Amino acid sequence: MYDYRSAEVGDDFFGGTVGTLGTKLGGRIGGDVGADLRGLQQRMTGGQASQHGPHERVAAMNAGKKFGKLEVVNDQCGNPTNAVDLAHEILQLCVTHEYGLYHCTGEGICSWYDFASEIIRLSGVDATVAPCTSEEYKAKHPDSADRPKWSALDNRMLRCTVGNDVRDWKDALACFFEHWDGDNGMK
């Protein structure tokens, strides 16, 4: 497993192959595809992040602290998703008889560059975030996985059934940092 606490030169935090970002399926940003015990509800999620465990917020902060500069792709867009919001929506669905394929992602769309910039700003880490294209990133990291330029999802099925209570990605990220206690984790 990738140790997000120790950033190394060449680590793929955004737009690459790091396991903390999950895998691509059907043009999603990271995440997971799951089914409940009956196998009737399926959920597709954006890249989750929570207060516990490895995630791109901590990886970006550690890289910023270590190197003072991050170079992040600016031409790949999606919906960052908070794991707490995702869990809430899954629980809402589990107590219904509403079956089907559900997208469950944070509201709002951003590039990995936008996401990393907001992480660095909110964390207070003294680092700069520079945009680059996927092609520039691939040239520097030839082993990185190819990612779609557009992987934003719409939560239409949630809105039409249980309602969509997922926060905007910026609000969820700000809430994370309100409860973050630096290297010790959550307050």
Protein backbone atom coordinates (compact mmCIF):
# COMPACT_ATOMS: atom_id res chain seq x y z
CA MET A 1 0.00 0.00 0.00
CA TYR A 2 1.15 3.53 -0.78
CA ASP A 3 2.46 5.38 2.28
CA TYR A 4 0.91 8.83 1.87
CA ARG A 5 2.98 10.21 4.77
CA SER A 6 6.24 10.11 2.83
CA ALA A 7 6.09 11.87 -0.50
CA GLU A 8 8.89 11.03 -2.91
CA VAL A 9 9.98 12.73 -6.10
CA GLY A 10 7.95 11.29 -8.95
CA ASP A 11 5.04 10.11 -6.79
CA ASP A 12 1.78 10.39 -8.68
CA PHE A 13 -0.56 12.39 -6.49
CA PHE A 14 -2.89 13.74 -9.14
CA GLY A 15 -3.46 12.32 -12.57
CA GLY A 16 -1.33 9.25 -11.97
CA THR A 17 -1.48 5.74 -10.69
CA VAL A 18 -1.34 6.04 -6.90
CA GLY A 19 -3.66 3.57 -5.23
CA THR A 20 -5.10 6.27 -2.96
CA LEU A 21 -6.79 7.73 -6.00
CA GLY A 22 -8.43 4.43 -6.88
CA THR A 23 -8.94 3.08 -10.34
CA LYS A 24 -10.68 4.34 -13.42
CA LEU A 25 -13.91 2.76 -14.59
CA GLY A 26 -16.21 4.35 -17.08
CA GLY A 27 -14.36 7.67 -16.89
CA ARG A 28 -14.59 8.33 -13.14
CA ILE A 29 -12.09 10.04 -10.87
CA GLY A 30 -10.89 7.28 -8.58
CA GLY A 31 -13.30 5.74 -6.21
CA ASP A 32 -15.09 2.48 -5.96
CA VAL A 33 -17.97 0.57 -7.43
CA GLY A 34 -20.03 -1.27 -4.85
CA ALA A 35 -23.13 -3.38 -4.53
CA ASP A 36 -25.19 -4.12 -1.46
CA LEU A 37 -25.86 -7.65 -0.18
CA ARG A 38 -28.84 -8.12 -2.48
CA GLY A 39 -26.65 -7.13 -5.42
CA LEU A 40 -29.35 -4.82 -6.68
CA GLN A 41 -28.05 -1.37 -5.88
CA GLN A 42 -24.85 -0.23 -7.53
CA ARG A 43 -23.09 3.00 -6.80
CA MET A 44 -20.37 4.79 -8.74
CA THR A 45 -18.44 7.33 -6.77
CA GLY A 46 -15.89 10.02 -7.34
CA GLY A 47 -12.51 10.04 -5.60
CA GLN A 48 -13.35 9.69 -1.94
CA ALA A 49 -11.52 11.32 0.88
CA SER A 50 -12.20 11.17 4.59
CA GLN A 51 -10.62 12.13 7.86
CA HIS A 52 -9.14 8.66 8.25
CA GLY A 53 -6.68 6.82 6.07
CA PRO A 54 -4.64 7.76 3.03
CA HIS A 55 -6.02 10.34 0.66
CA GLU A 56 -4.91 12.98 -1.77
CA ARG A 57 -5.29 15.86 0.72
CA VAL A 58 -2.56 14.49 2.98
CA ALA A 59 -0.42 13.46 0.01
CA ALA A 60 -0.61 16.98 -1.43
CA MET A 61 0.20 18.59 1.92
CA ASN A 62 3.19 16.29 2.47
CA ALA A 63 4.51 16.88 -1.03
CA GLY A 64 4.06 20.64 -0.60
CA LYS A 65 5.94 20.56 2.72
CA LYS A 66 8.74 18.43 1.30
CA PHE A 67 9.26 20.09 -2.08
CA GLY A 68 7.66 23.54 -1.77
CA LYS A 69 6.08 23.10 -5.19
CA LEU A 70 3.53 20.79 -6.76
CA GLU A 71 2.94 20.33 -10.47
CA VAL A 72 -0.59 19.10 -11.07
CA VAL A 73 -2.61 18.39 -14.21
CA ASN A 74 -5.04 21.14 -15.10
CA ASP A 75 -6.83 19.42 -17.99
CA GLN A 76 -8.47 16.51 -16.15
CA CYS A 77 -11.75 17.41 -14.46
CA GLY A 78 -14.07 15.56 -12.13
CA ASN A 79 -15.95 15.73 -8.81
CA PRO A 80 -13.96 15.24 -5.58
CA THR A 81 -16.13 13.35 -3.09
CA ASN A 82 -16.01 13.38 0.70
CA ALA A 83 -16.30 9.87 2.18
CA VAL A 84 -18.68 11.09 4.92
CA ASP A 85 -21.05 12.46 2.28
CA LEU A 86 -20.76 9.22 0.32
CA ALA A 87 -21.52 7.11 3.40
CA HIS A 88 -24.58 9.25 4.16
CA GLU A 89 -25.97 8.76 0.66
CA ILE A 90 -25.29 5.01 0.68
CA LEU A 91 -27.13 4.67 3.99
CA GLN A 92 -30.04 6.66 2.58
CA LEU A 93 -30.24 4.26 -0.36
CA CYS A 94 -29.85 1.10 1.73
CA VAL A 95 -33.13 1.71 3.56
CA THR A 96 -35.13 2.12 0.35
CA HIS A 97 -36.33 -0.14 -2.39
CA GLU A 98 -34.86 2.19 -5.01
CA TYR A 99 -32.56 0.06 -7.17
CA GLY A 100 -30.37 0.93 -10.10
CA LEU A 101 -27.09 2.58 -10.92
CA TYR A 102 -26.33 5.66 -8.81
CA HIS A 103 -23.60 8.20 -9.29
CA CYS A 104 -22.60 9.73 -5.97
CA THR A 105 -20.03 12.48 -6.23
CA GLY A 106 -19.31 15.81 -4.63
CA GLU A 107 -21.15 18.70 -6.19
CA GLY A 108 -19.15 21.00 -8.42
CA ILE A 109 -16.48 20.23 -10.95
CA CYS A 110 -12.79 21.02 -10.75
CA SER A 111 -9.46 19.98 -12.21
CA TRP A 112 -6.85 18.14 -10.15
CA TYR A 113 -4.93 21.44 -10.21
CA ASP A 114 -7.92 23.31 -8.71
CA PHE A 115 -8.29 20.60 -6.05
CA ALA A 116 -4.59 20.61 -5.11
CA SER A 117 -4.51 24.43 -5.03
CA GLU A 118 -7.44 24.52 -2.62
CA ILE A 119 -5.83 21.83 -0.44
CA ILE A 120 -2.60 23.79 -0.18
CA ARG A 121 -4.43 27.06 0.48
CA LEU A 122 -6.64 25.62 3.23
CA SER A 123 -3.81 23.64 4.83
CA GLY A 124 -1.60 26.70 5.15
CA VAL A 125 1.36 24.79 3.72
CA ASP A 126 3.97 27.14 2.26
CA ALA A 127 4.03 25.74 -1.27
CA THR A 128 3.12 26.74 -4.78
CA VAL A 129 0.94 24.73 -7.12
CA ALA A 130 1.75 24.94 -10.81
CA PRO A 131 -0.57 23.69 -13.56
CA CYS A 132 0.61 21.34 -16.28
CA THR A 133 -1.07 19.42 -19.08
CA SER A 134 -1.58 15.67 -19.03
CA GLU A 135 0.99 15.40 -21.80
CA GLU A 136 3.59 17.35 -19.81
CA TYR A 137 2.91 15.20 -16.77
CA LYS A 138 3.15 11.97 -18.79
CA ALA A 139 6.49 13.08 -20.26
CA LYS A 140 7.90 13.46 -16.73
CA HIS A 141 6.15 10.34 -15.38
CA PRO A 142 5.98 7.86 -18.28
CA ASP A 143 4.67 5.03 -16.08
CA SER A 144 1.63 7.04 -14.96
CA ALA A 145 -1.76 5.80 -16.13
CA ASP A 146 -3.63 7.64 -18.84
CA ARG A 147 -6.68 9.43 -17.43
CA PRO A 148 -9.73 10.87 -19.17
CA LYS A 149 -9.92 14.63 -19.53
CA TRP A 150 -13.54 14.64 -18.38
CA SER A 151 -14.76 12.30 -15.66
CA ALA A 152 -17.38 14.40 -13.90
CA LEU A 153 -20.57 12.55 -12.98
CA ASP A 154 -24.10 13.78 -12.33
CA ASN A 155 -26.08 12.65 -9.26
CA ARG A 156 -29.42 12.60 -11.12
CA MET A 157 -30.59 9.25 -9.71
CA LEU A 158 -29.93 10.47 -6.17
CA ARG A 159 -31.90 13.65 -6.80
CA CYS A 160 -34.79 11.65 -8.28
CA THR A 161 -35.00 9.13 -5.44
CA VAL A 162 -33.62 9.90 -1.97
CA GLY A 163 -32.45 13.44 -2.71
CA ASN A 164 -28.92 14.68 -3.21
CA ASP A 165 -27.40 15.91 0.05
CA VAL A 166 -23.80 15.75 -1.18
CA ARG A 167 -21.91 18.96 -0.43
CA ASP A 168 -19.99 21.05 -2.90
CA TRP A 169 -16.40 19.78 -2.98
CA LYS A 170 -15.06 23.12 -1.68
CA ASP A 171 -17.44 23.11 1.31
CA ALA A 172 -16.56 19.50 2.15
CA LEU A 173 -12.84 20.27 1.86
CA ALA A 174 -13.16 23.34 4.10
CA CYS A 175 -15.02 21.21 6.67
CA PHE A 176 -12.20 18.67 6.58
CA PHE A 177 -9.61 21.35 7.39
CA GLU A 178 -11.77 22.79 10.17
CA HIS A 179 -11.42 19.40 11.88
CA TRP A 180 -7.85 18.57 10.82
CA ASP A 181 -5.14 18.59 13.48
CA GLY A 182 -2.12 18.43 11.22
CA ASP A 183 0.01 15.31 11.46
CA ASN A 184 -2.08 13.97 14.35
CA GLY A 185 -5.17 13.55 12.20
CA MET A 186 -8.57 14.77 13.30
CA LYS A 187 -9.32 16.98 16.30
